[in-house]
Amino acid sequence: MFRCDLFLYLTLIEIMNACIPTQNIETCSTCSKIYNTGCQGYGIPSASDWCVIGDDIPVTYTLESAFDYAYGEDACTSVLSCPSGTISYFLTDGIDVPGNDLGTSPTTVYCAETGSYAGEWNVYTDYHGYPITQMTCRSQ
């Protein structure tokens, strides 16, 4: 009886160790965070020109394998979905380009983790691709 209990106990421990949700989770390493860190929140610097603080959205970054748009095998991705009353903008060559549906729909950005374009963020909005250096949820 003791052997059976010991076997069941050790089997249960093995199963529990295999199911820890934090194991085998990979994070983005080459691509840096891209949300605008200069945002100060609602009404700052003015009632008509402000942007949402990244922690208030929140912005998450996920490592995906063989992402369709990326030039490398792995890509860091983020989906920017701005809160009501704000529009998504992506900074490319010093110009703010609105996200999908003029910034009102969620927009995916991606960054190759490997390959010759590693570390370069890109957005594909309304059938056009752009390299970007920043993304922001800004007042309308």
Protein backbone atom coordinates (compact mmCIF):
# COMPACT_ATOMS: atom_id res chain seq x y z
CA MET A 1 0.00 0.00 0.00
CA PHE A 2 2.84 2.37 0.87
CA ARG A 3 4.41 1.83 -2.58
CA CYS A 4 1.16 2.65 -4.34
CA ASP A 5 0.72 5.85 -2.32
CA LEU A 6 4.31 6.87 -2.96
CA PHE A 7 3.94 6.19 -6.68
CA LEU A 8 0.74 8.27 -6.87
CA TYR A 9 2.33 11.07 -4.85
CA LEU A 10 5.42 11.25 -7.06
CA THR A 11 3.29 11.08 -10.22
CA LEU A 12 1.13 13.94 -8.96
CA ILE A 13 4.22 16.06 -8.25
CA GLU A 14 5.54 15.38 -11.76
CA ILE A 15 2.21 16.43 -13.30
CA MET A 16 2.05 19.59 -11.20
CA ASN A 17 5.59 20.60 -12.21
CA ALA A 18 4.68 20.17 -15.86
CA CYS A 19 1.71 22.52 -15.54
CA ILE A 20 3.32 25.60 -14.03
CA PRO A 21 2.05 28.39 -16.33
CA THR A 22 5.20 30.51 -16.09
CA GLN A 23 7.43 27.85 -17.61
CA ASN A 24 8.53 28.10 -21.25
CA ILE A 25 7.21 31.64 -21.68
CA GLU A 26 9.52 33.60 -23.94
CA THR A 27 9.75 37.38 -23.92
CA CYS A 28 10.87 39.92 -26.47
CA SER A 29 14.60 40.50 -26.12
CA THR A 30 15.82 42.35 -29.24
CA CYS A 31 12.89 44.73 -29.65
CA SER A 32 12.52 47.58 -27.17
CA LYS A 33 9.19 48.88 -25.87
CA ILE A 34 7.74 51.39 -28.28
CA TYR A 35 4.79 53.12 -26.56
CA ASN A 36 5.28 56.87 -26.09
CA THR A 37 6.85 57.33 -22.64
CA GLY A 38 6.34 61.11 -22.76
CA CYS A 39 2.57 60.88 -22.24
CA GLN A 40 1.37 62.55 -19.06
CA GLY A 41 -2.32 61.62 -19.08
CA TYR A 42 -5.69 63.27 -19.56
CA GLY A 43 -5.63 67.04 -20.04
CA ILE A 44 -1.83 67.42 -20.01
CA PRO A 45 -0.39 69.49 -21.66
CA SER A 46 -3.87 70.82 -22.63
CA ALA A 47 -7.52 69.77 -22.79
CA SER A 48 -7.31 69.31 -26.57
CA ASP A 49 -3.78 67.86 -26.87
CA TRP A 50 -2.97 64.97 -24.54
CA CYS A 51 -2.08 61.28 -24.69
CA VAL A 52 -2.81 58.22 -22.55
CA ILE A 53 -0.08 56.93 -20.22
CA GLY A 54 1.06 53.46 -21.32
CA ASP A 55 0.21 51.88 -17.95
CA ASP A 56 -3.42 52.99 -18.38
CA ILE A 57 -3.99 51.00 -21.60
CA PRO A 58 -2.04 48.59 -20.85
CA VAL A 59 0.47 47.84 -23.60
CA THR A 60 1.67 44.22 -23.78
CA TYR A 61 4.43 42.69 -25.89
CA THR A 62 4.32 39.06 -27.07
CA LEU A 63 6.92 36.91 -28.79
CA GLU A 64 5.45 34.97 -31.73
CA SER A 65 7.08 32.41 -34.00
CA ALA A 66 7.04 32.79 -37.79
CA PHE A 67 4.92 35.96 -37.73
CA ASP A 68 3.51 36.76 -41.21
CA TYR A 69 4.82 40.33 -41.58
CA ALA A 70 8.25 39.91 -39.99
CA TYR A 71 11.45 39.38 -41.93
CA GLY A 72 12.91 37.14 -39.20
CA GLU A 73 11.55 33.90 -37.85
CA ASP A 74 10.41 35.34 -34.53
CA ALA A 75 8.69 38.65 -33.96
CA CYS A 76 7.69 40.74 -31.00
CA THR A 77 4.13 41.96 -31.46
CA SER A 78 1.77 44.34 -29.73
CA VAL A 79 -1.82 45.28 -30.46
CA LEU A 80 -2.61 48.91 -29.72
CA SER A 81 -6.26 49.35 -28.82
CA CYS A 82 -6.88 52.88 -27.61
CA PRO A 83 -9.57 53.81 -25.09
CA SER A 84 -12.70 55.68 -26.11
CA GLY A 85 -12.03 59.33 -26.96
CA THR A 86 -8.51 58.65 -28.24
CA ILE A 87 -6.98 57.61 -31.56
CA SER A 88 -3.92 55.46 -32.23
CA TYR A 89 -0.99 57.17 -33.94
CA PHE A 90 2.30 55.72 -35.16
CA LEU A 91 5.37 57.90 -35.68
CA THR A 92 7.13 57.25 -39.00
CA ASP A 93 9.77 59.63 -40.40
CA GLY A 94 8.57 62.38 -38.04
CA ILE A 95 4.94 62.09 -39.20
CA ASP A 96 2.06 60.69 -37.12
CA VAL A 97 0.12 58.10 -39.14
CA PRO A 98 -3.26 57.00 -37.72
CA GLY A 99 -3.90 53.30 -37.06
CA ASN A 100 -6.56 51.13 -38.69
CA ASP A 101 -9.86 52.83 -39.54
CA LEU A 102 -8.30 56.26 -38.91
CA GLY A 103 -7.01 55.15 -35.53
CA THR A 104 -10.28 53.87 -34.07
CA SER A 105 -9.67 50.10 -34.49
CA PRO A 106 -6.99 47.93 -32.84
CA THR A 107 -3.72 47.96 -34.79
CA THR A 108 -0.93 45.37 -34.61
CA VAL A 109 2.72 46.41 -34.61
CA TYR A 110 5.56 43.97 -35.05
CA CYS A 111 9.31 43.84 -34.72
CA ALA A 112 11.60 41.12 -36.03
CA GLU A 113 13.60 39.51 -33.23
CA THR A 114 16.03 37.90 -35.69
CA GLY A 115 17.32 38.56 -39.19
CA SER A 116 18.55 41.70 -40.91
CA TYR A 117 15.61 43.83 -39.67
CA ALA A 118 15.88 42.73 -36.04
CA GLY A 119 14.90 45.46 -33.58
CA GLU A 120 12.98 47.54 -36.16
CA TRP A 121 9.30 48.16 -35.39
CA ASN A 122 6.70 48.22 -38.18
CA VAL A 123 2.99 48.78 -38.48
CA TYR A 124 0.62 47.65 -41.20
CA THR A 125 -2.39 49.97 -41.26
CA ASP A 126 -5.16 50.05 -43.81
CA TYR A 127 -3.07 48.13 -46.38
CA HIS A 128 0.13 50.19 -45.97
CA GLY A 129 3.27 49.17 -44.09
CA TYR A 130 5.48 51.67 -42.28
CA PRO A 131 8.61 51.48 -40.13
CA ILE A 132 7.80 53.24 -36.85
CA THR A 133 9.66 54.62 -33.86
CA GLN A 134 6.73 55.28 -31.49
CA MET A 135 3.04 54.53 -30.92
CA THR A 136 0.58 56.67 -28.98
CA CYS A 137 -3.08 56.87 -27.97
CA ARG A 138 -3.83 60.57 -28.32
CA SER A 139 -6.88 62.78 -27.89
CA GLN A 140 -9.11 63.25 -30.94
